[in-house]
Amino acid sequence: MAERTIRLFGDPVLRSACDPIRVGDARASQLIEDLLETVQLPGRAGLAANQIGVGLRAFSYNIDGDVGYVINPVLAEVQGEAELVDEGCLSVPGFYFPRLRYPFARVTGIDLDGNSIEVSGEGLMAQALQHETDHLDGHLYIEGLEPTTKKEAMRMIRMAPWY
């Protein structure tokens, strides 16, 4: 296993939709190991494969000690009324902006053996499931910000030392 470097805002891989993983794909096992190791560092709730430069459809999560992964995730259900929550992203380090997210989310996908799996939750888990699925579709969370907030966010990002 290896901790992988996080790709930052501006890297084209973050804007590309990820390809599905085929059961038995030799790259999948190493990818999942890397995602799991990298997400377990302090302050990390989720990590999509494209955030480590891999254009395959998988993510890992680390919510309140619950660490896992989903291959070929599909956001199958959201419930409740969308509410503003502060959200950040490893690919946009150091910033948190208010973003609308549903309070409950359910994702379906598969594990490394091709077995169907389902991950669901409320609060931070719901937010992470929505956020990571967006990443795999080539979308960053700042795209969903209210226009005035997005304008200010972009100004702040352009001024960041890592940009």
C-alpha atoms as a PDB file:
ATOM      1  CA  MET A   1       0.000   0.000   0.000  1.00  0.00           C
ATOM      2  CA  ALA A   2       1.060   3.552  -0.561  1.00  0.00           C
ATOM      3  CA  GLU A   3      -0.116   6.955   0.477  1.00  0.00           C
ATOM      4  CA  ARG A   4      -0.699   8.849  -2.744  1.00  0.00           C
ATOM      5  CA  THR A   5      -0.312  12.540  -3.561  1.00  0.00           C
ATOM      6  CA  ILE A   6      -3.583  14.463  -3.876  1.00  0.00           C
ATOM      7  CA  ARG A   7      -4.196  16.226  -7.187  1.00  0.00           C
ATOM      8  CA  LEU A   8      -5.149  19.879  -6.748  1.00  0.00           C
ATOM      9  CA  PHE A   9      -7.704  22.200  -8.322  1.00  0.00           C
ATOM     10  CA  GLY A  10      -6.663  22.937 -11.896  1.00  0.00           C
ATOM     11  CA  ASP A  11      -5.480  19.387 -12.653  1.00  0.00           C
ATOM     12  CA  PRO A  12      -7.491  18.169 -15.672  1.00  0.00           C
ATOM     13  CA  VAL A  13      -7.968  14.676 -14.184  1.00  0.00           C
ATOM     14  CA  LEU A  14     -10.362  16.218 -11.648  1.00  0.00           C
ATOM     15  CA  ARG A  15     -12.663  17.435 -14.434  1.00  0.00           C
ATOM     16  CA  SER A  16     -12.867  14.096 -16.253  1.00  0.00           C
ATOM     17  CA  ALA A  17     -15.533  11.483 -15.618  1.00  0.00           C
ATOM     18  CA  CYS A  18     -13.984   8.222 -14.429  1.00  0.00           C
ATOM     19  CA  ASP A  19     -14.283   4.914 -16.270  1.00  0.00           C
ATOM     20  CA  PRO A  20     -16.034   1.924 -14.662  1.00  0.00           C
ATOM     21  CA  ILE A  21     -13.844  -0.814 -13.213  1.00  0.00           C
ATOM     22  CA  ARG A  22     -14.317  -4.329 -14.563  1.00  0.00           C
ATOM     23  CA  VAL A  23     -14.425  -7.184 -12.079  1.00  0.00           C
ATOM     24  CA  GLY A  24     -11.006  -8.810 -12.062  1.00  0.00           C
ATOM     25  CA  ASP A  25      -9.181  -5.692 -13.298  1.00  0.00           C
ATOM     26  CA  ALA A  26      -5.625  -6.181 -12.002  1.00  0.00           C
ATOM     27  CA  ARG A  27      -5.280  -2.449 -11.260  1.00  0.00           C
ATOM     28  CA  ALA A  28      -8.305  -2.381  -8.948  1.00  0.00           C
ATOM     29  CA  SER A  29      -6.754  -4.125  -5.943  1.00  0.00           C
ATOM     30  CA  GLN A  30      -3.763  -1.765  -5.765  1.00  0.00           C
ATOM     31  CA  LEU A  31      -6.014   1.245  -6.355  1.00  0.00           C
ATOM     32  CA  ILE A  32      -8.279   0.274  -3.453  1.00  0.00           C
ATOM     33  CA  GLU A  33      -5.275  -0.305  -1.160  1.00  0.00           C
ATOM     34  CA  ASP A  34      -3.925   3.136  -2.054  1.00  0.00           C
ATOM     35  CA  LEU A  35      -7.321   4.809  -1.574  1.00  0.00           C
ATOM     36  CA  LEU A  36      -7.785   3.193   1.827  1.00  0.00           C
ATOM     37  CA  GLU A  37      -4.310   4.076   3.061  1.00  0.00           C
ATOM     38  CA  THR A  38      -4.513   7.652   1.799  1.00  0.00           C
ATOM     39  CA  VAL A  39      -7.981   8.352   3.258  1.00  0.00           C
ATOM     40  CA  GLN A  40      -6.931   7.179   6.727  1.00  0.00           C
ATOM     41  CA  LEU A  41      -4.700  10.191   7.331  1.00  0.00           C
ATOM     42  CA  PRO A  42      -6.133  12.647   9.877  1.00  0.00           C
ATOM     43  CA  GLY A  43      -8.798  15.060   8.642  1.00  0.00           C
ATOM     44  CA  ARG A  44      -9.842  13.009   5.627  1.00  0.00           C
ATOM     45  CA  ALA A  45     -13.459  11.919   5.164  1.00  0.00           C
ATOM     46  CA  GLY A  46     -13.336  10.662   1.581  1.00  0.00           C
ATOM     47  CA  LEU A  47     -11.115  10.269  -1.461  1.00  0.00           C
ATOM     48  CA  ALA A  48     -12.004   9.628  -5.096  1.00  0.00           C
ATOM     49  CA  ALA A  49      -9.639   7.795  -7.452  1.00  0.00           C
ATOM     50  CA  ASN A  50      -9.227  10.791  -9.749  1.00  0.00           C
ATOM     51  CA  GLN A  51      -7.964  12.801  -6.771  1.00  0.00           C
ATOM     52  CA  ILE A  52      -4.883  10.563  -6.846  1.00  0.00           C
ATOM     53  CA  GLY A  53      -4.647  10.733 -10.626  1.00  0.00           C
ATOM     54  CA  VAL A  54      -6.465   7.509 -11.516  1.00  0.00           C
ATOM     55  CA  GLY A  55      -9.410   7.809 -13.902  1.00  0.00           C
ATOM     56  CA  LEU A  56     -11.269   4.779 -12.555  1.00  0.00           C
ATOM     57  CA  ARG A  57     -14.600   4.810 -10.744  1.00  0.00           C
ATOM     58  CA  ALA A  58     -13.857   4.100  -7.052  1.00  0.00           C
ATOM     59  CA  PHE A  59     -13.692   6.004  -3.797  1.00  0.00           C
ATOM     60  CA  SER A  60     -12.818   5.425  -0.172  1.00  0.00           C
ATOM     61  CA  TYR A  61     -14.357   6.943   2.942  1.00  0.00           C
ATOM     62  CA  ASN A  62     -13.366   7.443   6.574  1.00  0.00           C
ATOM     63  CA  ILE A  63     -16.301   8.648   8.671  1.00  0.00           C
ATOM     64  CA  ASP A  64     -16.195   8.321  12.464  1.00  0.00           C
ATOM     65  CA  GLY A  65     -13.857   5.324  12.275  1.00  0.00           C
ATOM     66  CA  ASP A  66     -15.908   3.606   9.549  1.00  0.00           C
ATOM     67  CA  VAL A  67     -13.388   3.090   6.725  1.00  0.00           C
ATOM     68  CA  GLY A  68     -14.343   1.482   3.441  1.00  0.00           C
ATOM     69  CA  TYR A  69     -14.578   1.773  -0.310  1.00  0.00           C
ATOM     70  CA  VAL A  70     -17.022   1.455  -3.183  1.00  0.00           C
ATOM     71  CA  ILE A  71     -16.211   0.459  -6.745  1.00  0.00           C
ATOM     72  CA  ASN A  72     -18.428   1.796  -9.541  1.00  0.00           C
ATOM     73  CA  PRO A  73     -20.579   3.786  -7.122  1.00  0.00           C
ATOM     74  CA  VAL A  74     -23.957   5.121  -8.150  1.00  0.00           C
ATOM     75  CA  LEU A  75     -25.752   7.698  -6.036  1.00  0.00           C
ATOM     76  CA  ALA A  76     -28.935   5.645  -5.751  1.00  0.00           C
ATOM     77  CA  GLU A  77     -30.943   7.773  -3.334  1.00  0.00           C
ATOM     78  CA  VAL A  78     -30.982  11.057  -1.497  1.00  0.00           C
ATOM     79  CA  GLN A  79     -33.631  12.077   1.029  1.00  0.00           C
ATOM     80  CA  GLY A  80     -34.730  15.149   2.855  1.00  0.00           C
ATOM     81  CA  GLU A  81     -34.537  18.772   1.960  1.00  0.00           C
ATOM     82  CA  ALA A  82     -31.136  19.964   0.767  1.00  0.00           C
ATOM     83  CA  GLU A  83     -29.454  22.138   3.377  1.00  0.00           C
ATOM     84  CA  LEU A  84     -26.386  24.347   3.444  1.00  0.00           C
ATOM     85  CA  VAL A  85     -23.386  22.620   5.031  1.00  0.00           C
ATOM     86  CA  ASP A  86     -19.781  23.749   5.178  1.00  0.00           C
ATOM     87  CA  GLU A  87     -17.799  21.616   2.791  1.00  0.00           C
ATOM     88  CA  GLY A  88     -14.141  21.281   1.978  1.00  0.00           C
ATOM     89  CA  CYS A  89     -12.085  19.166  -0.380  1.00  0.00           C
ATOM     90  CA  LEU A  90      -8.597  17.671  -0.333  1.00  0.00           C
ATOM     91  CA  SER A  91      -8.162  18.977  -3.887  1.00  0.00           C
ATOM     92  CA  VAL A  92      -9.017  22.521  -2.768  1.00  0.00           C
ATOM     93  CA  PRO A  93      -7.006  22.541   0.492  1.00  0.00           C
ATOM     94  CA  GLY A  94      -7.603  25.032   3.227  1.00  0.00           C
ATOM     95  CA  PHE A  95     -11.049  26.202   2.188  1.00  0.00           C
ATOM     96  CA  TYR A  96     -14.596  25.458   3.339  1.00  0.00           C
ATOM     97  CA  PHE A  97     -17.653  26.929   1.656  1.00  0.00           C
ATOM     98  CA  PRO A  98     -21.402  26.506   2.267  1.00  0.00           C
ATOM     99  CA  ARG A  99     -22.867  24.022  -0.202  1.00  0.00           C
ATOM    100  CA  LEU A 100     -26.329  22.460  -0.534  1.00  0.00           C
ATOM    101  CA  ARG A 101     -26.335  18.738   0.267  1.00  0.00           C
ATOM    102  CA  TYR A 102     -29.074  16.278   1.130  1.00  0.00           C
ATOM    103  CA  PRO A 103     -29.097  15.031   4.743  1.00  0.00           C
ATOM    104  CA  PHE A 104     -29.330  11.350   3.683  1.00  0.00           C
ATOM    105  CA  ALA A 105     -27.619   9.535   0.815  1.00  0.00           C
ATOM    106  CA  ARG A 106     -27.286   5.945  -0.362  1.00  0.00           C
ATOM    107  CA  VAL A 107     -24.680   4.680  -2.803  1.00  0.00           C
ATOM    108  CA  THR A 108     -24.631   1.271  -4.475  1.00  0.00           C
ATOM    109  CA  GLY A 109     -21.664  -0.399  -6.140  1.00  0.00           C
ATOM    110  CA  ILE A 110     -19.434  -3.451  -5.878  1.00  0.00           C
ATOM    111  CA  ASP A 111     -16.457  -4.658  -3.874  1.00  0.00           C
ATOM    112  CA  LEU A 112     -13.217  -6.142  -5.266  1.00  0.00           C
ATOM    113  CA  ASP A 113     -14.874  -9.551  -5.638  1.00  0.00           C
ATOM    114  CA  GLY A 114     -17.776  -8.139  -7.648  1.00  0.00           C
ATOM    115  CA  ASN A 115     -20.270  -8.480  -4.794  1.00  0.00           C
ATOM    116  CA  SER A 116     -22.977  -5.829  -4.591  1.00  0.00           C
ATOM    117  CA  ILE A 117     -22.523  -3.389  -1.737  1.00  0.00           C
ATOM    118  CA  GLU A 118     -24.469  -0.465  -0.392  1.00  0.00           C
ATOM    119  CA  VAL A 119     -23.291   2.394   1.801  1.00  0.00           C
ATOM    120  CA  SER A 120     -25.699   4.901   3.275  1.00  0.00           C
ATOM    121  CA  GLY A 121     -25.792   7.456   5.990  1.00  0.00           C
ATOM    122  CA  GLU A 122     -26.803  10.811   7.307  1.00  0.00           C
ATOM    123  CA  GLY A 123     -24.833  13.935   8.077  1.00  0.00           C
ATOM    124  CA  LEU A 124     -21.142  13.736   7.216  1.00  0.00           C
ATOM    125  CA  MET A 125     -21.505  10.281   5.627  1.00  0.00           C
ATOM    126  CA  ALA A 126     -24.291  11.552   3.354  1.00  0.00           C
ATOM    127  CA  GLN A 127     -22.187  14.570   2.452  1.00  0.00           C
ATOM    128  CA  ALA A 128     -19.130  12.406   1.684  1.00  0.00           C
ATOM    129  CA  LEU A 129     -21.105   9.985  -0.494  1.00  0.00           C
ATOM    130  CA  GLN A 130     -22.480  12.864  -2.566  1.00  0.00           C
ATOM    131  CA  HIS A 131     -19.114  14.652  -2.714  1.00  0.00           C
ATOM    132  CA  GLU A 132     -17.080  11.607  -3.801  1.00  0.00           C
ATOM    133  CA  THR A 133     -19.645  10.505  -6.383  1.00  0.00           C
ATOM    134  CA  ASP A 134     -19.528  14.025  -7.834  1.00  0.00           C
ATOM    135  CA  HIS A 135     -15.721  13.720  -8.096  1.00  0.00           C
ATOM    136  CA  LEU A 136     -16.025  10.512 -10.105  1.00  0.00           C
ATOM    137  CA  ASP A 137     -18.391  12.305 -12.489  1.00  0.00           C
ATOM    138  CA  GLY A 138     -15.747  15.010 -12.986  1.00  0.00           C
ATOM    139  CA  HIS A 139     -17.354  17.654 -10.759  1.00  0.00           C
ATOM    140  CA  LEU A 140     -15.777  19.630  -7.928  1.00  0.00           C
ATOM    141  CA  TYR A 141     -17.885  20.791  -5.003  1.00  0.00           C
ATOM    142  CA  ILE A 142     -17.287  24.440  -5.800  1.00  0.00           C
ATOM    143  CA  GLU A 143     -19.404  24.041  -8.951  1.00  0.00           C
ATOM    144  CA  GLY A 144     -22.488  23.691  -6.740  1.00  0.00           C
ATOM    145  CA  LEU A 145     -21.908  26.850  -4.743  1.00  0.00           C
ATOM    146  CA  GLU A 146     -24.336  29.771  -4.829  1.00  0.00           C
ATOM    147  CA  PRO A 147     -23.072  32.185  -7.570  1.00  0.00           C
ATOM    148  CA  THR A 148     -21.866  34.947  -5.236  1.00  0.00           C
ATOM    149  CA  THR A 149     -20.140  32.415  -2.976  1.00  0.00           C
ATOM    150  CA  LYS A 150     -18.594  30.685  -5.991  1.00  0.00           C
ATOM    151  CA  LYS A 151     -17.179  33.971  -7.277  1.00  0.00           C
ATOM    152  CA  GLU A 152     -15.582  34.682  -3.879  1.00  0.00           C
ATOM    153  CA  ALA A 153     -14.353  31.076  -3.622  1.00  0.00           C
ATOM    154  CA  MET A 154     -12.657  31.303  -7.016  1.00  0.00           C
ATOM    155  CA  ARG A 155     -10.986  34.583  -6.013  1.00  0.00           C
ATOM    156  CA  MET A 156      -9.677  32.995  -2.812  1.00  0.00           C
ATOM    157  CA  ILE A 157      -8.477  29.852  -4.617  1.00  0.00           C
ATOM    158  CA  ARG A 158      -6.567  31.918  -7.192  1.00  0.00           C
ATOM    159  CA  MET A 159      -4.760  33.631  -4.284  1.00  0.00           C
ATOM    160  CA  ALA A 160      -3.863  30.353  -2.521  1.00  0.00           C
ATOM    161  CA  PRO A 161      -0.125  29.568  -2.360  1.00  0.00           C
ATOM    162  CA  TRP A 162      -0.692  26.075  -3.810  1.00  0.00           C
ATOM    163  CA  TYR A 163      -2.563  27.376  -6.892  1.00  0.00           C
END
